[in-house]
Amino acid sequence: MKTRSKRRKRLSLNLYSTVDHQRKMVGEVELGLYSAVDHQRKMVGEVELGLSRLRLLTADYLRQNRDEFLPFISHPETGNMLTEEQYYEYCDQVAGTPAWGGEVELRALSQALRCAIEVVQAEGPSLILGEEYDSDKRLVLAYHRYMFGLGEHYNSVKRYEESPEEEDDLPTV
């Protein structure tokens, strides 16, 4: 019989479970965020756009809303705020390279796609971007601080569903 602590652990950590959706080779893991968003779009009944199109949408939104995003992006070597020229070079990198994407890119993508994106993680509360959009079509990603020993990574997730056998084995809490 399962104990209460095991049930609590499952309830807190398994509200969402990672979808193993044709994992990329370790060398291609930087595609995680955009691949996860595309996979989530499919799961909520939207058309998959592909990584290149998602990157272009993100970069275009960043370019069009520079004042909103510029204060949150710093130069990787100096830590200083980017110049206008450097900011547009950054946008070009988002669009044309497999550069890693994070919260800034997710915020831009949420607005460009007009959809809510929830980011769950092992510790701390979820982050919901684009709360003003339809929550029935919310995309849900898992954020992993250290994955494959390469650092930060995003995965697509699905809601955890207990099997009937698990439900029967659990004591009432």
C-alpha atoms as a PDB file:
ATOM      1  CA  MET A   1       0.000   0.000   0.000  1.00  0.00           C
ATOM      2  CA  LYS A   2       1.306   3.455  -0.900  1.00  0.00           C
ATOM      3  CA  THR A   3       2.132   5.800   1.951  1.00  0.00           C
ATOM      4  CA  ARG A   4       0.890   9.365   2.405  1.00  0.00           C
ATOM      5  CA  SER A   5       4.365  10.766   1.756  1.00  0.00           C
ATOM      6  CA  LYS A   6       4.562   8.931  -1.552  1.00  0.00           C
ATOM      7  CA  ARG A   7       1.116  10.252  -2.474  1.00  0.00           C
ATOM      8  CA  ARG A   8       2.085  13.818  -1.539  1.00  0.00           C
ATOM      9  CA  LYS A   9       5.274  13.506  -3.540  1.00  0.00           C
ATOM     10  CA  ARG A  10       3.349  12.247  -6.556  1.00  0.00           C
ATOM     11  CA  LEU A  11       0.744  14.989  -6.196  1.00  0.00           C
ATOM     12  CA  SER A  12       3.339  17.749  -5.946  1.00  0.00           C
ATOM     13  CA  LEU A  13       5.842  16.541  -8.520  1.00  0.00           C
ATOM     14  CA  ASN A  14       3.667  14.670 -10.990  1.00  0.00           C
ATOM     15  CA  LEU A  15       0.900  17.136 -11.723  1.00  0.00           C
ATOM     16  CA  TYR A  16       2.616  17.159 -15.070  1.00  0.00           C
ATOM     17  CA  SER A  17       4.777  14.473 -16.602  1.00  0.00           C
ATOM     18  CA  THR A  18       7.406  14.976 -19.281  1.00  0.00           C
ATOM     19  CA  VAL A  19       6.461  13.874 -22.760  1.00  0.00           C
ATOM     20  CA  ASP A  20       9.215  11.933 -24.437  1.00  0.00           C
ATOM     21  CA  HIS A  21       8.481  13.360 -27.868  1.00  0.00           C
ATOM     22  CA  GLN A  22      11.181  12.090 -30.169  1.00  0.00           C
ATOM     23  CA  ARG A  23      14.000  13.480 -28.100  1.00  0.00           C
ATOM     24  CA  LYS A  24      16.675  15.141 -30.152  1.00  0.00           C
ATOM     25  CA  MET A  25      20.241  13.961 -29.987  1.00  0.00           C
ATOM     26  CA  VAL A  26      22.157  15.600 -27.134  1.00  0.00           C
ATOM     27  CA  GLY A  27      23.965  17.849 -29.638  1.00  0.00           C
ATOM     28  CA  GLU A  28      20.607  19.287 -30.724  1.00  0.00           C
ATOM     29  CA  VAL A  29      19.159  19.868 -27.263  1.00  0.00           C
ATOM     30  CA  GLU A  30      19.161  23.663 -27.779  1.00  0.00           C
ATOM     31  CA  LEU A  31      16.017  23.194 -29.881  1.00  0.00           C
ATOM     32  CA  GLY A  32      14.062  22.288 -26.740  1.00  0.00           C
ATOM     33  CA  LEU A  33      12.008  25.456 -26.194  1.00  0.00           C
ATOM     34  CA  TYR A  34      10.749  25.855 -29.759  1.00  0.00           C
ATOM     35  CA  SER A  35      10.262  22.124 -30.247  1.00  0.00           C
ATOM     36  CA  ALA A  36       8.304  21.942 -26.977  1.00  0.00           C
ATOM     37  CA  VAL A  37       6.078  24.888 -27.987  1.00  0.00           C
ATOM     38  CA  ASP A  38       5.364  23.307 -31.371  1.00  0.00           C
ATOM     39  CA  HIS A  39       4.534  19.971 -29.725  1.00  0.00           C
ATOM     40  CA  GLN A  40       2.216  21.702 -27.246  1.00  0.00           C
ATOM     41  CA  ARG A  41       0.415  23.510 -30.077  1.00  0.00           C
ATOM     42  CA  LYS A  42      -0.336  20.123 -31.621  1.00  0.00           C
ATOM     43  CA  MET A  43      -1.571  18.779 -28.258  1.00  0.00           C
ATOM     44  CA  VAL A  44      -4.127  21.621 -27.922  1.00  0.00           C
ATOM     45  CA  GLY A  45      -5.381  21.218 -31.498  1.00  0.00           C
ATOM     46  CA  GLU A  46      -3.389  24.011 -33.144  1.00  0.00           C
ATOM     47  CA  VAL A  47      -1.319  23.697 -36.299  1.00  0.00           C
ATOM     48  CA  GLU A  48       2.376  22.977 -35.807  1.00  0.00           C
ATOM     49  CA  LEU A  49       4.422  25.839 -37.239  1.00  0.00           C
ATOM     50  CA  GLY A  50       7.909  24.345 -37.206  1.00  0.00           C
ATOM     51  CA  LEU A  51      11.025  25.597 -35.460  1.00  0.00           C
ATOM     52  CA  SER A  52      12.043  28.116 -38.129  1.00  0.00           C
ATOM     53  CA  ARG A  53       8.632  29.785 -38.205  1.00  0.00           C
ATOM     54  CA  LEU A  54       8.447  29.947 -34.392  1.00  0.00           C
ATOM     55  CA  ARG A  55      11.909  31.503 -34.265  1.00  0.00           C
ATOM     56  CA  LEU A  56      10.925  34.079 -36.900  1.00  0.00           C
ATOM     57  CA  LEU A  57       7.711  34.952 -35.033  1.00  0.00           C
ATOM     58  CA  THR A  58       9.691  35.392 -31.825  1.00  0.00           C
ATOM     59  CA  ALA A  59      12.355  37.562 -33.435  1.00  0.00           C
ATOM     60  CA  ASP A  60       9.780  39.708 -35.249  1.00  0.00           C
ATOM     61  CA  TYR A  61       7.858  40.314 -32.030  1.00  0.00           C
ATOM     62  CA  LEU A  62      11.092  41.210 -30.211  1.00  0.00           C
ATOM     63  CA  ARG A  63      12.020  43.670 -32.995  1.00  0.00           C
ATOM     64  CA  GLN A  64       8.581  45.305 -32.939  1.00  0.00           C
ATOM     65  CA  ASN A  65       8.590  45.629 -29.130  1.00  0.00           C
ATOM     66  CA  ARG A  66      12.174  46.600 -28.403  1.00  0.00           C
ATOM     67  CA  ASP A  67      11.359  48.940 -25.499  1.00  0.00           C
ATOM     68  CA  GLU A  68       9.478  46.146 -23.702  1.00  0.00           C
ATOM     69  CA  PHE A  69      12.307  43.601 -23.924  1.00  0.00           C
ATOM     70  CA  LEU A  70      15.608  45.491 -24.193  1.00  0.00           C
ATOM     71  CA  PRO A  71      16.000  46.084 -20.417  1.00  0.00           C
ATOM     72  CA  PHE A  72      15.918  42.314 -19.812  1.00  0.00           C
ATOM     73  CA  ILE A  73      18.663  41.293 -22.208  1.00  0.00           C
ATOM     74  CA  SER A  74      22.296  41.983 -21.376  1.00  0.00           C
ATOM     75  CA  HIS A  75      25.535  41.560 -23.258  1.00  0.00           C
ATOM     76  CA  PRO A  76      26.832  38.028 -22.522  1.00  0.00           C
ATOM     77  CA  GLU A  77      30.437  39.180 -21.991  1.00  0.00           C
ATOM     78  CA  THR A  78      30.051  42.527 -20.226  1.00  0.00           C
ATOM     79  CA  GLY A  79      26.653  42.238 -18.555  1.00  0.00           C
ATOM     80  CA  ASN A  80      25.800  45.712 -19.859  1.00  0.00           C
ATOM     81  CA  MET A  81      22.493  46.564 -21.488  1.00  0.00           C
ATOM     82  CA  LEU A  82      22.622  46.002 -25.252  1.00  0.00           C
ATOM     83  CA  THR A  83      22.937  48.911 -27.651  1.00  0.00           C
ATOM     84  CA  GLU A  84      20.207  49.262 -30.272  1.00  0.00           C
ATOM     85  CA  GLU A  85      22.495  47.668 -32.876  1.00  0.00           C
ATOM     86  CA  GLN A  86      23.360  44.774 -30.553  1.00  0.00           C
ATOM     87  CA  TYR A  87      19.674  44.255 -29.768  1.00  0.00           C
ATOM     88  CA  TYR A  88      18.800  43.840 -33.437  1.00  0.00           C
ATOM     89  CA  GLU A  89      21.778  41.478 -33.875  1.00  0.00           C
ATOM     90  CA  TYR A  90      20.343  39.480 -30.954  1.00  0.00           C
ATOM     91  CA  CYS A  91      16.978  39.307 -32.740  1.00  0.00           C
ATOM     92  CA  ASP A  92      18.764  38.079 -35.883  1.00  0.00           C
ATOM     93  CA  GLN A  93      20.383  35.322 -33.799  1.00  0.00           C
ATOM     94  CA  VAL A  94      16.986  34.297 -32.393  1.00  0.00           C
ATOM     95  CA  ALA A  95      15.613  34.025 -35.931  1.00  0.00           C
ATOM     96  CA  GLY A  96      18.551  32.464 -37.722  1.00  0.00           C
ATOM     97  CA  THR A  97      20.522  30.289 -35.317  1.00  0.00           C
ATOM     98  CA  PRO A  98      19.796  27.456 -32.864  1.00  0.00           C
ATOM     99  CA  ALA A  99      20.482  29.911 -29.986  1.00  0.00           C
ATOM    100  CA  TRP A 100      18.972  28.896 -26.660  1.00  0.00           C
ATOM    101  CA  GLY A 101      15.683  30.590 -25.783  1.00  0.00           C
ATOM    102  CA  GLY A 102      14.492  31.501 -22.307  1.00  0.00           C
ATOM    103  CA  GLU A 103      11.892  33.591 -20.530  1.00  0.00           C
ATOM    104  CA  VAL A 104      12.292  36.630 -22.814  1.00  0.00           C
ATOM    105  CA  GLU A 105      11.690  34.506 -25.902  1.00  0.00           C
ATOM    106  CA  LEU A 106       8.760  32.700 -24.245  1.00  0.00           C
ATOM    107  CA  ARG A 107       7.142  36.041 -23.378  1.00  0.00           C
ATOM    108  CA  ALA A 108       7.549  37.242 -26.948  1.00  0.00           C
ATOM    109  CA  LEU A 109       6.259  33.950 -28.337  1.00  0.00           C
ATOM    110  CA  SER A 110       3.223  34.000 -26.051  1.00  0.00           C
ATOM    111  CA  GLN A 111       2.298  37.442 -27.352  1.00  0.00           C
ATOM    112  CA  ALA A 112       3.074  36.622 -31.001  1.00  0.00           C
ATOM    113  CA  LEU A 113       0.967  33.431 -30.868  1.00  0.00           C
ATOM    114  CA  ARG A 114      -1.675  35.031 -28.632  1.00  0.00           C
ATOM    115  CA  CYS A 115      -1.623  32.082 -26.267  1.00  0.00           C
ATOM    116  CA  ALA A 116      -0.952  31.411 -22.605  1.00  0.00           C
ATOM    117  CA  ILE A 117       2.222  29.486 -21.802  1.00  0.00           C
ATOM    118  CA  GLU A 118       2.701  27.902 -18.381  1.00  0.00           C
ATOM    119  CA  VAL A 119       6.188  26.924 -17.264  1.00  0.00           C
ATOM    120  CA  VAL A 120       6.345  24.332 -14.467  1.00  0.00           C
ATOM    121  CA  GLN A 121       9.493  23.393 -12.604  1.00  0.00           C
ATOM    122  CA  ALA A 122      10.565  21.038  -9.844  1.00  0.00           C
ATOM    123  CA  GLU A 123      10.837  23.822  -7.278  1.00  0.00           C
ATOM    124  CA  GLY A 124       8.871  27.028  -7.014  1.00  0.00           C
ATOM    125  CA  PRO A 125       5.575  28.157  -8.468  1.00  0.00           C
ATOM    126  CA  SER A 126       4.597  27.916 -12.115  1.00  0.00           C
ATOM    127  CA  LEU A 127       5.142  30.933 -14.338  1.00  0.00           C
ATOM    128  CA  ILE A 128       2.210  31.817 -16.591  1.00  0.00           C
ATOM    129  CA  LEU A 129       2.873  34.062 -19.574  1.00  0.00           C
ATOM    130  CA  GLY A 130       0.025  35.539 -21.602  1.00  0.00           C
ATOM    131  CA  GLU A 131      -2.608  35.019 -18.902  1.00  0.00           C
ATOM    132  CA  GLU A 132      -4.990  37.206 -20.891  1.00  0.00           C
ATOM    133  CA  TYR A 133      -5.333  34.504 -23.547  1.00  0.00           C
ATOM    134  CA  ASP A 134      -7.612  31.432 -23.633  1.00  0.00           C
ATOM    135  CA  SER A 135      -6.604  29.091 -20.819  1.00  0.00           C
ATOM    136  CA  ASP A 136      -8.238  26.101 -22.570  1.00  0.00           C
ATOM    137  CA  LYS A 137      -5.466  26.272 -25.169  1.00  0.00           C
ATOM    138  CA  ARG A 138      -2.674  26.923 -22.641  1.00  0.00           C
ATOM    139  CA  LEU A 139       0.684  25.451 -23.601  1.00  0.00           C
ATOM    140  CA  VAL A 140       2.542  23.787 -20.728  1.00  0.00           C
ATOM    141  CA  LEU A 141       6.317  23.416 -20.666  1.00  0.00           C
ATOM    142  CA  ALA A 142       8.635  21.976 -18.025  1.00  0.00           C
ATOM    143  CA  TYR A 143      11.745  23.960 -17.180  1.00  0.00           C
ATOM    144  CA  HIS A 144      14.772  21.896 -16.171  1.00  0.00           C
ATOM    145  CA  ARG A 145      17.647  23.805 -14.657  1.00  0.00           C
ATOM    146  CA  TYR A 146      20.160  21.008 -15.319  1.00  0.00           C
ATOM    147  CA  MET A 147      19.347  18.486 -18.008  1.00  0.00           C
ATOM    148  CA  PHE A 148      21.793  16.139 -19.731  1.00  0.00           C
ATOM    149  CA  GLY A 149      24.563  18.028 -17.898  1.00  0.00           C
ATOM    150  CA  LEU A 150      24.191  20.871 -20.400  1.00  0.00           C
ATOM    151  CA  GLY A 151      22.280  23.384 -18.319  1.00  0.00           C
ATOM    152  CA  GLU A 152      18.818  24.835 -18.715  1.00  0.00           C
ATOM    153  CA  HIS A 153      16.286  23.116 -20.961  1.00  0.00           C
ATOM    154  CA  TYR A 154      12.553  23.135 -21.756  1.00  0.00           C
ATOM    155  CA  ASN A 155      10.376  20.091 -22.512  1.00  0.00           C
ATOM    156  CA  SER A 156       6.777  19.628 -23.562  1.00  0.00           C
ATOM    157  CA  VAL A 157       4.587  18.088 -20.844  1.00  0.00           C
ATOM    158  CA  LYS A 158       1.171  16.563 -20.436  1.00  0.00           C
ATOM    159  CA  ARG A 159      -1.104  16.353 -17.413  1.00  0.00           C
ATOM    160  CA  TYR A 160      -0.365  13.432 -15.126  1.00  0.00           C
ATOM    161  CA  GLU A 161      -3.081  10.812 -15.232  1.00  0.00           C
ATOM    162  CA  GLU A 162      -3.205   8.109 -12.594  1.00  0.00           C
ATOM    163  CA  SER A 163      -3.980   4.635 -13.758  1.00  0.00           C
ATOM    164  CA  PRO A 164      -7.050   3.016 -12.158  1.00  0.00           C
ATOM    165  CA  GLU A 165      -4.723   0.637 -10.287  1.00  0.00           C
ATOM    166  CA  GLU A 166      -2.870   3.556  -8.657  1.00  0.00           C
ATOM    167  CA  GLU A 167      -6.117   5.197  -7.547  1.00  0.00           C
ATOM    168  CA  ASP A 168      -7.332   1.976  -5.914  1.00  0.00           C
ATOM    169  CA  ASP A 169      -4.059   1.521  -4.004  1.00  0.00           C
ATOM    170  CA  LEU A 170      -4.011   4.981  -2.453  1.00  0.00           C
ATOM    171  CA  PRO A 171      -5.407   5.706   0.982  1.00  0.00           C
ATOM    172  CA  THR A 172      -7.768   8.641   1.333  1.00  0.00           C
ATOM    173  CA  VAL A 173      -5.962  11.745   2.591  1.00  0.00           C
END
